């Protein structure tokens, strides 16, 4: 990553399409959001999420391979797909990792379900035809077997660990948190590497016009300075630092007036790579425009993903809960 380009303040202002506040205003501690409100419980685990074309929240359940539609106002939950591969590694990670829409069609991303971890399914992207039918669109695992990361990247899962997906030009951008790269995946099954990182563990994705945002968890033990948000354009793939300062960042979202990051929390000492954070140590963070991250909500239990809608953040947790956080007292985001 080159130094001496746009400052985080200027880059953030460019992303949000507004002029940043003066330094004297930026230095004022932000007001806190309301306490998180439990909206949904009892999902079969939690990983990614998306907002559907109908305005509802869609959440994959990695343990069961289902996808649930959640009314963001009432929390009413309906299973809309039950055809994705379920989790293979009991008590670990993997299974149905993320969902996204192209138009009205839903797609699911799977991870750690192939033969190299004792499974028999495809690691990659599926198109949801109906509740009981999912068709393979791209076998990312097979491509990864033929295209491993550079020799300086240590890995133990040959099919990689696709983590999150973001619609892009009729296909998707996908992070691989194990091989430390961002992929571009087409609906014809074609896969190519957009960005190859060192050991920084890319996780969540978001996009504002032509700029892509990626959250980085950083290597074990996931120190705050390694929890970063980067911005890049796919054609140039030259990332710039937007903000840092969160423990084990797992997602990033750009609102109308602010950029938010989700930190899973404190990594348990001595646990293997890929383990979730300690319970109740997660945080919702906001970029301060000076390269740092302010705490908006804390005490979250191993959050994995978030969405912004109508001045609220909807946070999904590892154990299958959805929490709603009112951002109105902090930043009037209408997304």
Protein backbone atom coordinates (compact mmCIF):
# COMPACT_ATOMS: atom_id res chain seq x y z
CA UNK A 1 0.00 0.00 0.00
CA UNK A 2 1.57 3.26 -1.08
CA UNK A 3 1.91 6.15 1.33
CA UNK A 4 1.55 9.85 0.65
CA UNK A 5 -1.77 9.77 -1.20
CA UNK A 6 -5.13 10.99 0.02
CA UNK A 7 -5.42 11.34 3.79
CA UNK A 8 -8.09 9.23 5.55
CA UNK A 9 -10.10 12.43 6.14
CA UNK A 10 -10.14 13.36 2.46
CA UNK A 11 -10.76 9.77 1.36
CA UNK A 12 -13.70 9.37 3.74
CA UNK A 13 -15.19 12.69 2.63
CA UNK A 14 -14.88 11.57 -0.99
CA UNK A 15 -16.60 8.26 -0.24
CA UNK A 16 -19.50 9.91 1.55
CA UNK A 17 -19.82 12.66 -1.03
CA UNK A 18 -19.81 15.40 1.59
CA UNK A 19 -17.26 17.80 3.02
CA UNK A 20 -15.78 16.66 6.31
CA UNK A 21 -16.42 18.71 9.43
CA UNK A 22 -13.64 20.97 10.75
CA UNK A 23 -11.03 19.40 13.01
CA UNK A 24 -12.48 21.11 16.09
CA UNK A 25 -15.82 19.45 15.44
CA UNK A 26 -14.28 16.08 14.61
CA UNK A 27 -12.56 16.06 18.00
CA UNK A 28 -15.82 16.23 19.98
CA UNK A 29 -16.70 12.77 21.37
CA UNK A 30 -19.72 11.42 19.48
CA UNK A 31 -22.99 10.82 21.32
CA UNK A 32 -23.77 7.18 22.00
CA UNK A 33 -26.40 5.21 20.14
CA UNK A 34 -29.27 3.68 22.05
CA UNK A 35 -28.67 0.31 23.68
CA UNK A 36 -28.94 -2.60 21.22
CA UNK A 37 -32.37 -4.20 20.98
CA UNK A 38 -32.75 -7.95 20.47
CA UNK A 39 -34.88 -8.44 17.34
CA UNK A 40 -34.46 -12.13 16.46
CA UNK A 41 -33.13 -15.19 18.25
CA UNK A 42 -32.96 -18.89 17.44
CA UNK A 43 -31.38 -18.85 13.97
CA UNK A 44 -29.10 -21.79 13.19
CA UNK A 45 -25.96 -19.72 13.56
CA UNK A 46 -25.10 -16.45 11.90
CA UNK A 47 -22.59 -15.29 9.32
CA UNK A 48 -23.41 -12.83 6.50
CA UNK A 49 -26.47 -10.79 5.57
CA UNK A 50 -28.00 -8.55 2.93
CA UNK A 51 -30.96 -6.28 2.31
CA UNK A 52 -33.31 -7.68 -0.31
CA UNK A 53 -35.10 -5.75 -3.06
CA UNK A 54 -38.21 -5.84 -0.85
CA UNK A 55 -36.43 -4.01 1.98
CA UNK A 56 -36.26 -7.07 4.22
CA UNK A 57 -33.17 -8.49 5.88
CA UNK A 58 -31.90 -11.83 4.54
CA UNK A 59 -29.61 -13.91 6.74
CA UNK A 60 -27.96 -17.26 5.95
CA UNK A 61 -28.00 -19.87 8.71
CA UNK A 62 -24.66 -21.66 8.34
CA UNK A 63 -25.42 -24.63 10.57
CA UNK A 64 -28.55 -25.67 8.64
CA UNK A 65 -27.87 -24.25 5.16
CA UNK A 66 -31.08 -22.21 5.27
CA UNK A 67 -31.70 -18.55 4.49
CA UNK A 68 -34.26 -16.57 6.48
CA UNK A 69 -36.13 -13.43 5.54
CA UNK A 70 -36.54 -11.06 8.49
CA UNK A 71 -38.93 -8.14 8.73
CA UNK A 72 -36.71 -5.32 10.02
CA UNK A 73 -39.61 -3.71 11.89
CA UNK A 74 -41.17 -6.69 13.66
CA UNK A 75 -38.51 -9.40 13.53
CA UNK A 76 -40.95 -11.82 11.88
CA UNK A 77 -38.82 -14.58 10.36
CA UNK A 78 -39.54 -16.88 7.41
CA UNK A 79 -37.26 -19.52 5.90
CA UNK A 80 -37.05 -18.75 2.17
CA UNK A 81 -34.35 -21.22 1.14
CA UNK A 82 -33.22 -24.54 2.58
CA UNK A 83 -30.96 -25.81 -0.18
CA UNK A 84 -27.48 -24.54 0.66
CA UNK A 85 -24.86 -26.93 2.07
CA UNK A 86 -24.93 -27.04 5.89
CA UNK A 87 -21.89 -26.65 8.12
CA UNK A 88 -19.50 -29.60 8.11
CA UNK A 89 -17.15 -28.65 10.95
CA UNK A 90 -19.36 -28.90 14.04
CA UNK A 91 -18.85 -26.02 16.45
CA UNK A 92 -16.58 -24.22 14.01
CA UNK A 93 -17.18 -21.98 10.98
CA UNK A 94 -18.34 -22.54 7.41
CA UNK A 95 -21.53 -23.62 5.69
CA UNK A 96 -23.78 -20.92 4.24
CA UNK A 97 -21.59 -17.84 4.69
CA UNK A 98 -23.32 -14.97 2.89
CA UNK A 99 -26.20 -14.01 0.59
CA UNK A 100 -26.70 -11.29 -2.02
CA UNK A 101 -29.16 -10.30 -4.73
CA UNK A 102 -28.79 -9.53 -8.40
CA UNK A 103 -32.14 -8.02 -9.27
CA UNK A 104 -34.75 -10.25 -7.66
CA UNK A 105 -32.56 -13.37 -7.72
CA UNK A 106 -30.83 -14.49 -4.54
CA UNK A 107 -27.38 -16.05 -4.45
CA UNK A 108 -25.60 -17.81 -1.61
CA UNK A 109 -21.92 -18.19 -0.77
CA UNK A 110 -20.61 -21.36 0.87
CA UNK A 111 -17.34 -22.20 2.56
CA UNK A 112 -15.64 -25.17 4.26
CA UNK A 113 -18.09 -27.73 2.86
CA UNK A 114 -15.88 -29.63 0.39
CA UNK A 115 -13.91 -32.87 0.51
CA UNK A 116 -10.80 -31.25 1.96
CA UNK A 117 -12.65 -30.72 5.27
CA UNK A 118 -14.74 -33.89 5.16
CA UNK A 119 -17.70 -32.56 3.20
CA UNK A 120 -19.09 -33.38 -0.22
CA UNK A 121 -20.49 -30.05 -1.46
CA UNK A 122 -19.22 -27.15 -3.54
CA UNK A 123 -17.35 -24.26 -1.99
CA UNK A 124 -18.59 -21.34 -4.03
CA UNK A 125 -21.66 -19.45 -5.22
CA UNK A 126 -25.15 -20.92 -5.65
CA UNK A 127 -28.22 -19.42 -7.32
CA UNK A 128 -31.42 -19.95 -5.33
CA UNK A 129 -34.05 -21.18 -7.80
CA UNK A 130 -36.72 -21.79 -5.17
CA UNK A 131 -36.89 -22.76 -1.50
CA UNK A 132 -35.65 -26.29 -2.15
CA UNK A 133 -33.40 -25.81 -5.20
CA UNK A 134 -29.96 -24.20 -5.34
CA UNK A 135 -27.82 -24.44 -8.48
CA UNK A 136 -24.04 -24.05 -8.54
CA UNK A 137 -22.96 -20.90 -10.37
CA UNK A 138 -19.25 -20.87 -9.57
CA UNK A 139 -17.05 -23.54 -7.97
CA UNK A 140 -14.58 -21.29 -6.19
CA UNK A 141 -13.08 -24.24 -4.34
CA UNK A 142 -12.15 -26.05 -7.56
CA UNK A 143 -10.66 -22.85 -8.97
CA UNK A 144 -8.68 -22.32 -5.77
CA UNK A 145 -7.21 -25.82 -6.00
CA UNK A 146 -5.78 -24.85 -9.39
CA UNK A 147 -4.84 -21.32 -8.29
CA UNK A 148 -3.36 -21.43 -4.78
CA UNK A 149 -2.06 -18.27 -3.10
CA UNK A 150 1.61 -17.26 -3.30
CA UNK A 151 4.18 -19.39 -1.42
CA UNK A 152 4.46 -16.85 1.41
CA UNK A 153 0.80 -17.43 2.37
CA UNK A 154 0.44 -20.34 4.81
CA UNK A 155 -2.79 -22.28 4.39
CA UNK A 156 -4.36 -25.51 5.57
CA UNK A 157 -7.62 -25.59 3.57
CA UNK A 158 -6.88 -26.05 -0.16
CA UNK A 159 -10.33 -24.83 -1.24
CA UNK A 160 -9.91 -21.60 0.73
CA UNK A 161 -12.43 -19.87 2.97
CA UNK A 162 -14.70 -17.57 0.93
CA UNK A 163 -16.14 -15.21 3.53
CA UNK A 164 -18.31 -12.46 2.04
CA UNK A 165 -19.78 -11.44 -1.32
CA UNK A 166 -20.79 -8.11 -2.86
CA UNK A 167 -22.63 -7.61 -6.19
CA UNK A 168 -20.40 -6.14 -8.88
CA UNK A 169 -20.98 -5.74 -12.65
CA UNK A 170 -23.45 -8.60 -13.03
CA UNK A 171 -21.40 -10.89 -10.81
CA UNK A 172 -19.75 -10.70 -7.41
CA UNK A 173 -16.68 -9.70 -5.51
CA UNK A 174 -15.74 -12.31 -2.91
CA UNK A 175 -13.26 -12.17 -0.05
CA UNK A 176 -11.22 -15.25 0.82
CA UNK A 177 -10.22 -14.87 4.46
CA UNK A 178 -7.84 -17.85 4.33
CA UNK A 179 -6.01 -17.13 1.08
CA UNK A 180 -6.01 -13.37 1.82
CA UNK A 181 -7.46 -12.20 -1.48
CA UNK A 182 -10.42 -10.57 -3.18
CA UNK A 183 -11.89 -12.41 -6.16
CA UNK A 184 -14.17 -11.36 -9.00
CA UNK A 185 -16.65 -14.10 -9.85
CA UNK A 186 -18.92 -14.15 -12.89
CA UNK A 187 -22.23 -15.96 -13.33
CA UNK A 188 -20.51 -18.03 -16.02
CA UNK A 189 -18.26 -19.49 -13.32
CA UNK A 190 -15.18 -17.50 -14.27
CA UNK A 191 -13.01 -16.49 -11.31
CA UNK A 192 -10.05 -14.11 -11.19
CA UNK A 193 -7.96 -12.51 -8.47
CA UNK A 194 -8.52 -8.77 -8.03
CA UNK A 195 -6.30 -8.25 -4.98
CA UNK A 196 -3.77 -10.53 -3.29
CA UNK A 197 -2.87 -9.39 0.21
CA UNK A 198 -0.33 -10.58 2.71
CA UNK A 199 -1.62 -12.10 5.94
CA UNK A 200 -4.29 -9.47 6.66
CA UNK A 201 -7.49 -11.64 6.59
CA UNK A 202 -10.00 -9.75 4.39
CA UNK A 203 -13.58 -10.18 5.59
CA UNK A 204 -16.55 -7.90 4.81
CA UNK A 205 -17.24 -5.86 1.68
CA UNK A 206 -19.32 -2.86 0.69
CA UNK A 207 -19.37 -0.57 -2.33
CA UNK A 208 -20.07 3.10 -2.95
CA UNK A 209 -20.28 3.79 -6.70
CA UNK A 210 -16.96 2.58 -8.15
CA UNK A 211 -15.14 2.33 -4.82
CA UNK A 212 -15.01 -0.94 -2.91
CA UNK A 213 -14.56 -1.05 0.87
CA UNK A 214 -13.01 -4.09 2.56
CA UNK A 215 -12.63 -4.81 6.26
CA UNK A 216 -9.50 -6.61 7.45
CA UNK A 217 -9.44 -8.72 10.61
CA UNK A 218 -5.65 -8.78 10.65
CA UNK A 219 -3.52 -11.78 11.65
CA UNK A 220 -3.79 -13.56 15.00
CA UNK A 221 -4.00 -12.14 17.68
CA UNK A 222 -6.02 -9.52 15.75
CA UNK A 223 -4.58 -6.38 17.32
CA UNK A 224 -6.63 -3.16 16.96
CA UNK A 225 -4.05 -1.53 14.68
CA UNK A 226 -4.42 -4.48 12.29
CA UNK A 227 -8.19 -4.13 12.13
CA UNK A 228 -8.47 -1.88 9.09
CA UNK A 229 -10.88 -0.62 6.46
CA UNK A 230 -9.38 -0.23 2.98
CA UNK A 231 -10.79 1.37 -0.16
CA UNK A 232 -9.91 0.40 -3.72
CA UNK A 233 -11.18 0.35 -7.28
CA UNK A 234 -11.36 -3.00 -9.04
CA UNK A 235 -9.58 -1.84 -12.18
CA UNK A 236 -6.59 -0.40 -10.34
CA UNK A 237 -6.77 -2.62 -7.23
CA UNK A 238 -4.51 -0.22 -5.33
CA UNK A 239 -5.89 -0.09 -1.78
CA UNK A 240 -5.88 2.98 0.45
CA UNK A 241 -6.32 3.03 4.22
CA UNK A 242 -9.59 4.63 5.38
CA UNK A 243 -9.57 3.78 9.10
CA UNK A 244 -8.13 1.37 11.65
CA UNK A 245 -8.51 0.51 15.31
CA UNK A 246 -10.96 -2.38 15.73
CA UNK A 247 -10.30 -5.85 17.12
CA UNK A 248 -11.06 -8.54 14.54
CA UNK A 249 -13.03 -6.48 12.02
CA UNK A 250 -15.59 -8.61 10.19
CA UNK A 251 -17.70 -6.13 8.20
CA UNK A 252 -17.92 -2.60 6.82
CA UNK A 253 -20.90 -0.54 5.65
CA UNK A 254 -21.09 2.93 4.11
CA UNK A 255 -24.09 4.96 5.25
CA UNK A 256 -25.24 8.26 3.81
CA UNK A 257 -23.19 10.35 6.23
CA UNK A 258 -20.80 7.92 7.93
CA UNK A 259 -18.78 4.77 7.49
CA UNK A 260 -19.28 1.96 10.00
CA UNK A 261 -17.17 -1.07 10.85
CA UNK A 262 -18.02 -4.13 12.93
CA UNK A 263 -15.47 -5.60 15.33
CA UNK A 264 -16.06 -9.14 16.58
CA UNK A 265 -14.00 -8.43 19.69
CA UNK A 266 -11.12 -9.78 21.75
CA UNK A 267 -9.45 -12.88 20.36
CA UNK A 268 -9.09 -15.69 22.96
CA UNK A 269 -5.44 -16.27 23.79
CA UNK A 270 -4.09 -19.59 22.56
CA UNK A 271 -7.05 -20.44 20.31
CA UNK A 272 -6.39 -21.55 16.71
CA UNK A 273 -6.68 -19.25 13.71
CA UNK A 274 -10.30 -18.78 12.62
CA UNK A 275 -11.77 -19.05 16.12
CA UNK A 276 -14.46 -16.51 17.05
CA UNK A 277 -13.78 -13.72 19.51
CA UNK A 278 -14.61 -13.86 23.20
CA UNK A 279 -18.34 -13.45 23.97
CA UNK A 280 -19.72 -9.97 24.57
CA UNK A 281 -16.59 -8.10 23.41
CA UNK A 282 -17.80 -6.99 19.97
CA UNK A 283 -18.25 -3.35 18.94
CA UNK A 284 -20.00 -1.24 16.34
CA UNK A 285 -17.56 1.46 15.23
CA UNK A 286 -17.72 4.64 13.18
CA UNK A 287 -14.86 6.16 11.17
CA UNK A 288 -13.84 9.47 12.74
CA UNK A 289 -12.44 11.01 9.55
CA UNK A 290 -8.93 11.12 10.96
CA UNK A 291 -8.00 7.50 10.36
CA UNK A 292 -9.49 6.14 13.58
CA UNK A 293 -12.71 4.42 14.68
CA UNK A 294 -15.09 5.61 17.42
CA UNK A 295 -17.10 3.15 19.51
CA UNK A 296 -20.85 3.46 18.90
CA UNK A 297 -22.04 0.30 20.68
CA UNK A 298 -20.13 -2.26 22.73
CA UNK A 299 -20.76 -5.57 24.47
CA UNK A 300 -21.95 -7.27 21.27
CA UNK A 301 -21.73 -11.07 21.35
CA UNK A 302 -19.43 -12.19 18.51
CA UNK A 303 -21.04 -10.20 15.69
CA UNK A 304 -20.47 -11.47 12.16
CA UNK A 305 -22.27 -9.07 9.80
CA UNK A 306 -24.38 -5.91 9.69
CA UNK A 307 -26.74 -3.93 7.47
CA UNK A 308 -27.81 -0.27 7.64
CA UNK A 309 -31.47 0.65 7.15
CA UNK A 310 -33.62 3.59 8.26
CA UNK A 311 -31.20 5.03 10.83
CA UNK A 312 -30.56 1.61 12.34
CA UNK A 313 -27.77 -0.94 12.22
CA UNK A 314 -28.87 -4.58 12.13
CA UNK A 315 -26.17 -6.79 13.59
CA UNK A 316 -26.06 -10.58 13.13
CA UNK A 317 -24.22 -12.70 15.69
CA UNK A 318 -22.35 -16.00 15.61
CA UNK A 319 -25.02 -17.72 17.73
CA UNK A 320 -27.88 -16.73 15.43
CA UNK A 321 -29.28 -13.53 16.88
CA UNK A 322 -30.14 -10.23 15.20
CA UNK A 323 -29.76 -7.00 17.15
CA UNK A 324 -31.09 -3.58 16.15
CA UNK A 325 -29.10 -0.48 17.08
CA UNK A 326 -30.66 2.97 16.76
CA UNK A 327 -28.14 5.31 15.15
CA UNK A 328 -30.36 8.40 15.13
CA UNK A 329 -28.87 9.86 18.31
CA UNK A 330 -25.41 9.49 16.82
CA UNK A 331 -25.58 10.08 13.09
CA UNK A 332 -28.68 10.68 11.00
CA UNK A 333 -28.13 7.91 8.48
CA UNK A 334 -31.21 7.20 6.42
CA UNK A 335 -29.84 4.18 4.63
